């Protein structure tokens, strides 16, 4: 089944974007060819752009602290898996320590690097990072893969505590959900929420269509679309069974 995730708050939207960007950057960093390392550097630039809000660090710390307090209250509950609870609390404590250890403005070490700033400026232009535009960057790309890897990790490393924290929070969020089975009649589904709140919706289905979701505190609407790479997606007119998960922190 293909799982689609839909954030219902700006915080969750930002954290999901960071999760995706960190995964892509690390994927390309682990490769050893110059084109992959170029993609990794672009990913680092995007991470820095997403983390410009000054309150991002404090929001993550507050959420981790809140989850830690909530979970520690379950220690005496005999119905709780103590081994799993201990593992989650250990990961929260480690993430908190890493984020607290971050100093200065997030990503400032990348913004202050004039060489990187020049590459970022040219990379925003279609084809602007060609060798004749940035010969010094071309020289860097021609160096050994291990040398480029070390540089990339030096630029990404100070940002990795954010990845640790985001991974922990999103894992707790996803694990909080309860799956329910539904059916979209002729590709359409509506559910009255009755004041139920959630931070993330997950829709899982095994069909040649993709969900389009709109939601507020009163109702959830899902419209299934049939992807067509040659034209605008068309409404799916068949009945489709799917799984729906409401996740809340």
Protein backbone atom coordinates (compact mmCIF):
# COMPACT_ATOMS: atom_id res chain seq x y z
CA UNK A 1 0.00 0.00 0.00
CA UNK A 2 1.11 3.55 -0.69
CA UNK A 3 0.95 5.88 2.33
CA UNK A 4 0.20 9.59 1.89
CA UNK A 5 0.74 12.01 4.76
CA UNK A 6 -1.07 15.33 5.19
CA UNK A 7 0.08 17.73 7.94
CA UNK A 8 -2.65 19.74 9.64
CA UNK A 9 -0.45 22.38 11.26
CA UNK A 10 2.44 24.55 10.14
CA UNK A 11 4.85 22.98 12.66
CA UNK A 12 4.21 19.46 11.37
CA UNK A 13 4.46 20.66 7.77
CA UNK A 14 7.89 22.14 8.47
CA UNK A 15 9.11 19.05 10.32
CA UNK A 16 7.99 16.76 7.49
CA UNK A 17 9.84 18.95 5.01
CA UNK A 18 12.98 18.78 7.14
CA UNK A 19 12.69 15.00 7.42
CA UNK A 20 12.48 14.72 3.64
CA UNK A 21 15.36 17.15 3.01
CA UNK A 22 17.70 15.49 5.52
CA UNK A 23 16.97 12.05 4.04
CA UNK A 24 17.71 13.30 0.52
CA UNK A 25 20.86 15.18 1.53
CA UNK A 26 22.29 12.16 3.36
CA UNK A 27 21.35 9.84 0.49
CA UNK A 28 23.32 11.94 -2.00
CA UNK A 29 26.21 12.53 0.41
CA UNK A 30 26.69 8.76 0.76
CA UNK A 31 27.08 8.47 -3.02
CA UNK A 32 30.55 9.06 -4.43
CA UNK A 33 29.93 10.85 -7.74
CA UNK A 34 30.16 14.60 -8.28
CA UNK A 35 26.57 15.01 -9.48
CA UNK A 36 25.22 13.38 -6.32
CA UNK A 37 27.38 15.63 -4.17
CA UNK A 38 26.08 18.65 -6.07
CA UNK A 39 22.52 17.49 -5.26
CA UNK A 40 23.57 17.01 -1.62
CA UNK A 41 24.85 20.58 -1.43
CA UNK A 42 21.60 21.90 -2.88
CA UNK A 43 19.79 19.89 -0.20
CA UNK A 44 21.88 21.54 2.52
CA UNK A 45 20.95 24.95 1.11
CA UNK A 46 17.26 24.01 1.28
CA UNK A 47 17.59 22.79 4.88
CA UNK A 48 19.17 26.10 5.87
CA UNK A 49 16.35 28.00 4.12
CA UNK A 50 13.67 25.97 5.94
CA UNK A 51 15.31 26.57 9.34
CA UNK A 52 15.34 30.38 9.15
CA UNK A 53 12.60 30.77 11.78
CA UNK A 54 14.26 31.59 15.11
CA UNK A 55 11.64 29.71 17.14
CA UNK A 56 12.18 26.35 15.44
CA UNK A 57 14.73 25.19 18.02
CA UNK A 58 12.57 26.23 20.96
CA UNK A 59 9.50 24.55 19.44
CA UNK A 60 11.35 21.25 19.13
CA UNK A 61 12.68 21.51 22.69
CA UNK A 62 9.22 22.29 24.05
CA UNK A 63 7.64 19.36 22.20
CA UNK A 64 10.36 16.93 23.31
CA UNK A 65 10.05 18.13 26.92
CA UNK A 66 6.27 17.73 26.77
CA UNK A 67 6.52 14.20 25.37
CA UNK A 68 9.14 13.26 27.96
CA UNK A 69 6.95 14.46 30.84
CA UNK A 70 3.90 12.70 29.42
CA UNK A 71 5.71 9.40 28.88
CA UNK A 72 7.49 9.42 32.24
CA UNK A 73 4.08 9.47 33.91
CA UNK A 74 3.45 6.03 32.38
CA UNK A 75 6.36 4.32 34.12
CA UNK A 76 4.16 2.94 36.90
CA UNK A 77 1.46 1.69 34.52
CA UNK A 78 1.68 -2.13 34.35
CA UNK A 79 -0.11 -2.15 30.98
CA UNK A 80 2.75 -0.24 29.34
CA UNK A 81 5.67 -2.05 27.68
CA UNK A 82 8.49 -0.85 29.97
CA UNK A 83 11.26 -1.84 27.54
CA UNK A 84 9.73 0.13 24.67
CA UNK A 85 8.96 3.06 26.97
CA UNK A 86 12.55 3.14 28.19
CA UNK A 87 13.84 3.14 24.60
CA UNK A 88 11.59 6.03 23.61
CA UNK A 89 12.54 8.07 26.68
CA UNK A 90 16.21 7.39 25.99
CA UNK A 91 15.86 8.67 22.41
CA UNK A 92 14.02 11.80 23.64
CA UNK A 93 16.71 12.52 26.23
CA UNK A 94 19.45 12.12 23.63
CA UNK A 95 17.64 14.37 21.15
CA UNK A 96 17.12 17.04 23.81
CA UNK A 97 20.80 16.99 24.72
CA UNK A 98 21.83 17.40 21.07
CA UNK A 99 19.46 20.30 20.40
CA UNK A 100 20.39 22.08 23.64
CA UNK A 101 24.05 21.81 22.59
CA UNK A 102 23.41 23.74 19.37
CA UNK A 103 24.82 27.25 19.60
CA UNK A 104 24.17 30.35 17.56
CA UNK A 105 21.60 30.81 14.82
CA UNK A 106 20.70 27.64 12.98
CA UNK A 107 22.58 27.37 9.66
CA UNK A 108 24.56 30.56 10.20
CA UNK A 109 27.83 28.73 9.46
CA UNK A 110 26.52 28.08 5.93
CA UNK A 111 25.18 31.61 5.43
CA UNK A 112 28.49 33.14 6.57
CA UNK A 113 30.52 31.08 4.08
CA UNK A 114 31.01 33.43 1.12
CA UNK A 115 32.09 30.60 -1.18
CA UNK A 116 28.88 28.67 -0.46
CA UNK A 117 26.83 31.85 -0.80
CA UNK A 118 28.22 32.35 -4.29
CA UNK A 119 27.29 28.80 -5.29
CA UNK A 120 23.80 29.16 -3.80
CA UNK A 121 23.23 32.36 -5.73
CA UNK A 122 24.23 30.80 -9.03
CA UNK A 123 22.39 27.53 -8.34
CA UNK A 124 19.12 29.43 -8.25
CA UNK A 125 19.58 30.26 -11.95
CA UNK A 126 18.67 27.49 -14.45
CA UNK A 127 22.02 26.02 -15.51
CA UNK A 128 23.80 28.66 -13.45
CA UNK A 129 26.19 26.25 -11.76
CA UNK A 130 28.01 25.20 -14.92
CA UNK A 131 31.78 24.94 -14.81
CA UNK A 132 32.31 28.17 -16.78
CA UNK A 133 30.12 30.07 -14.27
CA UNK A 134 31.76 28.62 -11.15
CA UNK A 135 35.25 27.32 -12.05
CA UNK A 136 36.32 27.11 -8.39
CA UNK A 137 33.24 25.01 -7.61
CA UNK A 138 34.04 22.85 -10.64
CA UNK A 139 37.50 22.32 -9.16
CA UNK A 140 35.92 21.23 -5.85
CA UNK A 141 33.67 18.77 -7.68
CA UNK A 142 36.74 17.28 -9.40
CA UNK A 143 38.39 16.45 -6.08
CA UNK A 144 38.21 12.99 -4.52
CA UNK A 145 34.86 11.72 -3.27
CA UNK A 146 36.24 11.37 0.26
CA UNK A 147 37.37 15.01 0.28
CA UNK A 148 33.94 16.21 -0.88
CA UNK A 149 32.25 13.92 1.66
CA UNK A 150 34.26 15.49 4.51
CA UNK A 151 33.32 19.00 3.38
CA UNK A 152 29.65 18.15 3.00
CA UNK A 153 29.50 16.58 6.46
CA UNK A 154 31.25 19.63 7.90
CA UNK A 155 28.44 21.81 6.51
CA UNK A 156 25.61 19.39 7.35
CA UNK A 157 26.95 18.19 10.71
CA UNK A 158 25.92 21.22 12.82
CA UNK A 159 22.35 20.77 11.50
CA UNK A 160 22.03 17.06 12.31
CA UNK A 161 20.69 17.59 15.88
CA UNK A 162 17.58 18.95 14.19
CA UNK A 163 17.24 15.72 12.21
CA UNK A 164 17.55 13.68 15.42
CA UNK A 165 14.86 15.74 17.15
CA UNK A 166 12.50 15.79 14.16
CA UNK A 167 12.87 12.02 13.68
CA UNK A 168 11.96 11.38 17.34
CA UNK A 169 8.94 13.69 17.33
CA UNK A 170 7.58 12.36 14.03
CA UNK A 171 8.04 8.76 15.17
CA UNK A 172 6.01 9.49 18.31
CA UNK A 173 3.40 11.27 16.19
CA UNK A 174 3.03 8.41 13.71
CA UNK A 175 2.92 5.79 16.47
CA UNK A 176 0.06 7.66 18.16
CA UNK A 177 -2.41 6.90 15.39
CA UNK A 178 -5.14 4.29 15.22
CA UNK A 179 -5.97 2.85 11.80
CA UNK A 180 -9.57 2.68 10.59
CA UNK A 181 -10.93 1.13 7.39
CA UNK A 182 -13.06 3.18 5.00
CA UNK A 183 -14.40 3.19 1.47
CA UNK A 184 -14.37 6.10 -0.97
CA UNK A 185 -17.56 5.76 -3.03
CA UNK A 186 -16.82 6.75 -6.62
CA UNK A 187 -13.58 8.27 -5.39
CA UNK A 188 -15.20 10.56 -2.81
CA UNK A 189 -15.17 10.37 1.00
CA UNK A 190 -16.37 12.73 3.73
CA UNK A 191 -16.14 12.37 7.49
CA UNK A 192 -17.60 14.74 10.05
CA UNK A 193 -14.99 15.25 12.76
CA UNK A 194 -17.18 16.55 15.54
CA UNK A 195 -14.36 18.58 17.08
CA UNK A 196 -11.79 15.80 16.86
CA UNK A 197 -8.32 17.28 16.42
CA UNK A 198 -5.26 15.81 14.76
CA UNK A 199 -1.84 16.99 13.69
CA UNK A 200 -1.30 14.51 10.86
CA UNK A 201 -3.52 12.44 8.59
CA UNK A 202 -2.23 9.28 6.95
CA UNK A 203 -4.08 7.74 4.02
CA UNK A 204 -2.98 4.32 2.80
CA UNK A 205 -4.41 2.64 -0.29
CA UNK A 206 -3.57 0.10 -2.95
CA UNK A 207 -5.15 1.52 -6.08
CA UNK A 208 -4.09 3.44 -9.21
CA UNK A 209 -5.11 6.78 -7.70
CA UNK A 210 -3.87 9.38 -5.24
CA UNK A 211 -5.80 11.25 -2.51
CA UNK A 212 -6.39 14.97 -2.39
CA UNK A 213 -7.28 16.00 1.17
CA UNK A 214 -8.94 19.06 2.69
CA UNK A 215 -9.75 19.21 6.38
CA UNK A 216 -10.80 21.57 9.15
CA UNK A 217 -12.06 21.04 12.69
CA UNK A 218 -15.53 20.14 11.39
CA UNK A 219 -15.03 17.85 8.41
CA UNK A 220 -12.56 15.83 6.39
CA UNK A 221 -12.92 15.50 2.63
CA UNK A 222 -10.91 13.11 0.47
CA UNK A 223 -11.06 13.11 -3.32
CA UNK A 224 -9.21 10.42 -5.22
CA UNK A 225 -7.52 11.35 -8.47
CA UNK A 226 -6.25 9.11 -11.27
CA UNK A 227 -2.72 10.27 -12.16
CA UNK A 228 -2.06 10.86 -15.83
CA UNK A 229 1.39 12.10 -16.82
CA UNK A 230 0.05 13.36 -20.14
CA UNK A 231 -2.72 15.58 -18.79
CA UNK A 232 -4.38 16.97 -15.68
CA UNK A 233 -5.28 14.27 -13.10
CA UNK A 234 -8.86 13.05 -13.49
CA UNK A 235 -11.31 12.17 -10.68
CA UNK A 236 -11.34 8.48 -9.86
CA UNK A 237 -14.88 7.17 -10.40
CA UNK A 238 -14.53 3.74 -8.82
CA UNK A 239 -15.04 2.67 -5.22
CA UNK A 240 -11.72 2.45 -3.39
CA UNK A 241 -11.01 0.92 0.02
CA UNK A 242 -8.41 2.74 2.09
CA UNK A 243 -6.93 3.05 5.57
CA UNK A 244 -7.20 6.32 7.48
CA UNK A 245 -5.07 7.25 10.49
CA UNK A 246 -5.44 10.31 12.72
CA UNK A 247 -2.17 11.11 14.50
CA UNK A 248 -1.84 13.60 17.37
CA UNK A 249 0.95 14.69 19.69
